Amino acid sequence: MWIRSTLAYRVSFVMTAFGGALVTGLDFVAILLMFSRVDTLGGYTLPEIALLYGLSATSFGLADLVIGSAGRLGTRVRDGTLDTLLVRPAPVLAQVAADRFALRRLGRITQGLVVLGYALAALDVGWTPLKVLLVPVMVVCGGVIFSAVFVAGAAFQFVAQDASEVQSAFTYGGQTLLQYPPTVFGKELVRGVTFMFPLAFVNWVPAAHVLGRPYPVGLPGWAAFAPPLVAVACWVLAGLAWRAGLRSYRSTGS
């Protein structure tokens, strides 16, 4: 329904998606401005950071397209309209994901793919079949990991009710963090996003294998191939949190 509504005004949709791509692209413009003054950032060249940026932006764009609407769950909890979803013969999480589905978010994905394409063309890397395979694996698994963070944040809103900004700190904030190399951040922060909130497996860890860079916080070499396992673990934990949050829902009492 929301897709048909969006495509009813196709010129408006194209302009909105294009505008979204331009706005999100300002993040990469900021990186380009930095490289107009320096040759490397944290020891990484522009194509290498473009790879991190493209992987992060594309993965996050996929998650935002599929489950980004979960950020509005707190509003439904506060005003009691979540009750409407509970009485329908469909999974609540699927309904939350489809609520006001914004096809215009394809602009973010497109912009990320453009930067990723530039990075792959400009990188001076000895490509092997394994490294080539890692690129789509990073995009898909990164999207799954970000989706799990969206779901976990939505589950938290059952308790906090007004925590959309807290959720954004880990979703939008995490995506911005991963646009830059781990070498520009403190070790404690890098450990936190590796072991507590494993966002590092979206791009930092597997990209280290592709680029021939040292692994963050001294992880072993096999960690580059762990994103599928991390993605599954994140979704299992997010699913448990979602079920716990949904069971704790008591409506508004009105």
Protein backbone atom coordinates (compact mmCIF):
# COMPACT_ATOMS: atom_id res chain seq x y z
CA MET A 1 0.00 0.00 0.00
CA TRP A 2 2.75 2.44 0.94
CA ILE A 3 4.76 1.58 -2.19
CA ARG A 4 1.72 2.14 -4.42
CA SER A 5 1.04 5.42 -2.65
CA THR A 6 4.63 6.55 -3.20
CA LEU A 7 4.72 5.59 -6.88
CA ALA A 8 1.43 7.36 -7.55
CA TYR A 9 3.53 10.54 -7.76
CA ARG A 10 6.61 9.26 -9.53
CA VAL A 11 8.29 12.61 -10.19
CA SER A 12 7.93 13.48 -6.52
CA PHE A 13 9.37 10.08 -5.56
CA VAL A 14 12.39 10.49 -7.87
CA MET A 15 13.05 14.01 -6.59
CA THR A 16 12.74 12.92 -2.94
CA ALA A 17 15.01 9.90 -3.41
CA PHE A 18 17.55 12.01 -5.31
CA GLY A 19 17.41 14.69 -2.62
CA GLY A 20 17.96 12.07 0.06
CA ALA A 21 21.00 10.75 -1.80
CA LEU A 22 22.44 14.26 -2.02
CA VAL A 23 21.90 14.94 1.68
CA THR A 24 23.47 11.67 2.81
CA GLY A 25 26.26 12.24 0.30
CA LEU A 26 27.35 15.31 2.27
CA ASP A 27 29.04 12.93 4.71
CA PHE A 28 31.36 11.76 1.95
CA VAL A 29 31.87 15.34 0.79
CA ALA A 30 33.17 16.08 4.31
CA ILE A 31 35.67 13.23 3.89
CA LEU A 32 36.74 14.61 0.51
CA LEU A 33 37.33 18.01 2.11
CA MET A 34 39.54 16.37 4.73
CA PHE A 35 41.62 14.74 1.99
CA SER A 36 42.08 18.07 0.28
CA ARG A 37 44.40 18.87 3.22
CA VAL A 38 45.85 15.44 4.12
CA ASP A 39 47.06 12.39 2.21
CA THR A 40 45.90 9.82 4.75
CA LEU A 41 43.47 9.71 7.66
CA GLY A 42 44.42 7.37 10.46
CA GLY A 43 46.86 5.76 8.03
CA TYR A 44 44.10 5.02 5.50
CA THR A 45 43.99 6.44 1.97
CA LEU A 46 40.89 7.94 0.36
CA PRO A 47 39.94 4.76 -1.61
CA GLU A 48 40.30 2.69 1.57
CA ILE A 49 38.05 5.00 3.56
CA ALA A 50 35.65 5.10 0.60
CA LEU A 51 35.42 1.31 0.91
CA LEU A 52 34.52 1.59 4.60
CA TYR A 53 32.05 4.36 3.83
CA GLY A 54 30.41 2.53 0.93
CA LEU A 55 30.01 -0.70 2.91
CA SER A 56 28.62 1.11 5.94
CA ALA A 57 26.22 3.34 3.97
CA THR A 58 24.90 0.52 1.79
CA SER A 59 24.43 -1.92 4.67
CA PHE A 60 22.70 0.70 6.80
CA GLY A 61 20.56 1.79 3.85
CA LEU A 62 19.27 -1.76 3.39
CA ALA A 63 18.41 -2.04 7.09
CA ASP A 64 16.81 1.41 7.15
CA LEU A 65 14.68 0.51 4.13
CA VAL A 66 13.47 -2.78 5.59
CA ILE A 67 13.06 -2.05 9.30
CA GLY A 68 13.76 1.67 9.75
CA SER A 69 10.10 2.32 10.59
CA ALA A 70 10.68 0.56 13.92
CA GLY A 71 12.02 3.85 15.22
CA ARG A 72 8.43 5.10 15.53
CA LEU A 73 7.34 2.24 17.77
CA GLY A 74 7.62 4.40 20.90
CA THR A 75 4.89 6.69 19.58
CA ARG A 76 2.54 3.74 19.06
CA VAL A 77 3.29 2.47 22.57
CA ARG A 78 2.55 5.87 24.12
CA ASP A 79 -0.73 6.52 22.29
CA GLY A 80 -1.97 2.92 22.37
CA THR A 81 -2.20 2.49 18.59
CA LEU A 82 0.01 -0.60 18.86
CA ASP A 83 -3.19 -2.38 19.90
CA THR A 84 -4.32 -2.14 16.28
CA LEU A 85 -1.35 -4.21 15.16
CA LEU A 86 -1.90 -6.82 17.87
CA VAL A 87 -5.39 -7.76 16.68
CA ARG A 88 -4.40 -8.26 13.06
CA PRO A 89 -3.59 -11.78 11.78
CA ALA A 90 0.01 -10.92 10.92
CA PRO A 91 3.31 -10.79 12.85
CA VAL A 92 3.61 -7.52 14.75
CA LEU A 93 7.24 -7.01 13.73
CA ALA A 94 6.34 -7.37 10.05
CA GLN A 95 3.60 -4.78 10.48
CA VAL A 96 5.98 -2.42 12.27
CA ALA A 97 8.48 -2.79 9.42
CA ALA A 98 5.80 -2.09 6.82
CA ASP A 99 4.33 0.88 8.71
CA ARG A 100 4.82 3.98 6.52
CA PHE A 101 7.30 2.06 4.37
CA ALA A 102 9.54 4.73 2.80
CA LEU A 103 10.70 3.68 -0.65
CA ARG A 104 12.57 6.99 -0.92
CA ARG A 105 15.26 5.44 1.29
CA LEU A 106 16.55 3.77 -1.87
CA GLY A 107 18.40 7.07 -2.38
CA ARG A 108 20.67 6.28 0.58
CA ILE A 109 21.42 2.82 -0.80
CA THR A 110 22.17 4.20 -4.25
CA GLN A 111 24.55 6.81 -2.86
CA GLY A 112 26.36 4.16 -0.82
CA LEU A 113 26.69 1.90 -3.87
CA VAL A 114 28.15 4.74 -5.92
CA VAL A 115 30.88 5.37 -3.34
CA LEU A 116 31.46 1.62 -2.98
CA GLY A 117 31.84 1.31 -6.75
CA TYR A 118 34.39 4.12 -6.76
CA ALA A 119 36.33 2.46 -3.95
CA LEU A 120 36.46 -0.93 -5.67
CA ALA A 121 37.67 0.70 -8.88
CA ALA A 122 40.32 2.87 -7.18
CA LEU A 123 41.72 0.40 -4.65
CA ASP A 124 45.16 -1.06 -5.30
CA VAL A 125 44.39 -4.51 -3.88
CA GLY A 126 45.44 -7.94 -4.98
CA TRP A 127 41.96 -9.35 -5.48
CA THR A 128 41.40 -13.04 -4.82
CA PRO A 129 38.11 -14.98 -5.17
CA LEU A 130 37.79 -14.93 -1.37
CA LYS A 131 38.20 -11.16 -1.16
CA VAL A 132 35.72 -10.64 -3.98
CA LEU A 133 33.20 -12.86 -2.16
CA LEU A 134 33.70 -10.92 1.08
CA VAL A 135 32.35 -7.69 -0.43
CA PRO A 136 28.71 -8.83 -0.96
CA VAL A 137 28.91 -10.84 2.28
CA MET A 138 29.83 -7.65 4.15
CA VAL A 139 26.92 -5.74 2.60
CA VAL A 140 24.33 -8.42 3.38
CA CYS A 141 25.60 -9.28 6.85
CA GLY A 142 26.03 -5.61 7.67
CA GLY A 143 22.41 -5.00 6.74
CA VAL A 144 21.34 -7.88 8.99
CA ILE A 145 23.42 -6.57 11.91
CA PHE A 146 22.01 -3.06 11.56
CA SER A 147 18.50 -4.52 11.29
CA ALA A 148 19.06 -6.38 14.55
CA VAL A 149 20.09 -3.10 16.20
CA PHE A 150 16.86 -1.49 14.92
CA VAL A 151 14.79 -4.34 16.36
CA ALA A 152 16.63 -4.30 19.69
CA GLY A 153 16.10 -0.55 19.89
CA ALA A 154 12.41 -0.99 19.16
CA ALA A 155 12.18 -3.60 21.92
CA PHE A 156 13.76 -1.11 24.33
CA GLN A 157 11.02 1.37 23.48
CA PHE A 158 8.43 -0.96 25.02
CA VAL A 159 10.06 -0.06 28.34
CA ALA A 160 11.33 3.46 27.76
CA GLN A 161 8.45 4.51 25.43
CA ASP A 162 10.32 7.64 24.34
CA ALA A 163 13.73 6.36 23.36
CA SER A 164 13.88 6.94 19.62
CA GLU A 165 16.94 9.19 20.02
CA VAL A 166 18.69 6.51 22.08
CA GLN A 167 18.00 4.06 19.27
CA SER A 168 19.30 6.54 16.70
CA ALA A 169 22.56 6.85 18.63
CA PHE A 170 23.29 3.19 17.90
CA THR A 171 21.84 3.05 14.38
CA TYR A 172 22.59 6.35 12.64
CA GLY A 173 25.46 7.00 15.05
CA GLY A 174 26.93 3.56 14.45
CA GLN A 175 26.72 4.01 10.71
CA THR A 176 28.58 7.33 10.93
CA LEU A 177 31.22 5.76 13.19
CA LEU A 178 31.94 2.98 10.70
CA GLN A 179 32.55 5.46 7.89
CA TYR A 180 35.96 6.18 9.40
CA PRO A 181 38.85 3.78 10.10
CA PRO A 182 39.18 2.31 13.60
CA THR A 183 42.64 3.86 13.92
CA VAL A 184 41.17 7.34 14.51
CA PHE A 185 39.23 6.20 17.60
CA GLY A 186 40.32 5.26 21.10
CA LYS A 187 40.96 1.61 21.88
CA GLU A 188 38.13 1.42 24.41
CA LEU A 189 35.60 2.63 21.85
CA VAL A 190 36.88 0.14 19.29
CA ARG A 191 36.61 -2.67 21.84
CA GLY A 192 33.06 -1.58 22.66
CA VAL A 193 31.85 -1.75 19.05
CA THR A 194 33.66 -5.05 18.56
CA PHE A 195 32.61 -7.06 21.62
CA MET A 196 29.62 -5.26 23.23
CA PHE A 197 27.86 -3.93 20.12
CA PRO A 198 29.54 -5.87 17.28
CA LEU A 199 29.15 -3.19 14.63
CA ALA A 200 32.84 -3.62 13.76
CA PHE A 201 31.88 -6.81 11.89
CA VAL A 202 29.88 -4.71 9.42
CA ASN A 203 33.07 -3.47 7.75
CA TRP A 204 36.09 -2.84 10.00
CA VAL A 205 37.02 -6.47 10.62
CA PRO A 206 36.32 -8.08 7.21
CA ALA A 207 37.60 -5.01 5.35
CA ALA A 208 40.91 -5.39 7.20
CA HIS A 209 41.38 -8.70 5.37
CA VAL A 210 40.52 -7.15 2.01
CA LEU A 211 42.87 -4.19 2.54
CA GLY A 212 45.65 -6.16 4.21
CA ARG A 213 45.38 -3.99 7.32
CA PRO A 214 45.89 -5.00 10.97
CA TYR A 215 42.72 -6.32 12.58
CA PRO A 216 41.05 -4.12 15.22
CA VAL A 217 42.02 -4.93 18.83
CA GLY A 218 44.28 -7.76 17.65
CA LEU A 219 41.53 -10.11 16.48
CA PRO A 220 42.65 -13.37 14.82
CA GLY A 221 42.62 -13.75 11.06
CA TRP A 222 39.52 -15.96 10.97
CA ALA A 223 37.46 -13.09 12.45
CA ALA A 224 37.21 -11.58 8.97
CA PHE A 225 34.90 -14.45 8.00
CA ALA A 226 32.76 -14.25 11.14
CA PRO A 227 30.15 -11.64 9.98
CA PRO A 228 27.55 -14.33 9.06
CA LEU A 229 27.83 -15.87 12.53
CA VAL A 230 27.73 -12.45 14.18
CA ALA A 231 24.68 -11.49 12.11
CA VAL A 232 22.81 -14.64 13.16
CA ALA A 233 23.75 -14.12 16.82
CA CYS A 234 22.61 -10.49 16.70
CA TRP A 235 19.25 -11.47 15.22
CA VAL A 236 18.71 -14.21 17.79
CA LEU A 237 19.38 -11.76 20.64
CA ALA A 238 17.28 -9.05 18.99
CA GLY A 239 14.44 -11.54 18.49
CA LEU A 240 14.52 -12.55 22.15
CA ALA A 241 14.53 -8.89 23.19
CA TRP A 242 11.59 -8.19 20.87
CA ARG A 243 9.54 -11.08 22.28
CA ALA A 244 10.28 -9.97 25.83
CA GLY A 245 9.31 -6.39 25.02
CA LEU A 246 6.11 -7.40 23.26
CA ARG A 247 5.06 -9.61 26.17
CA SER A 248 5.62 -6.73 28.60
CA TYR A 249 3.29 -4.41 26.65
CA ARG A 250 0.22 -3.42 28.68
CA SER A 251 -1.38 -0.83 26.42
CA THR A 252 -2.28 2.63 27.73
CA GLY A 253 -4.93 1.42 30.17
CA SER A 254 -7.55 3.72 28.64
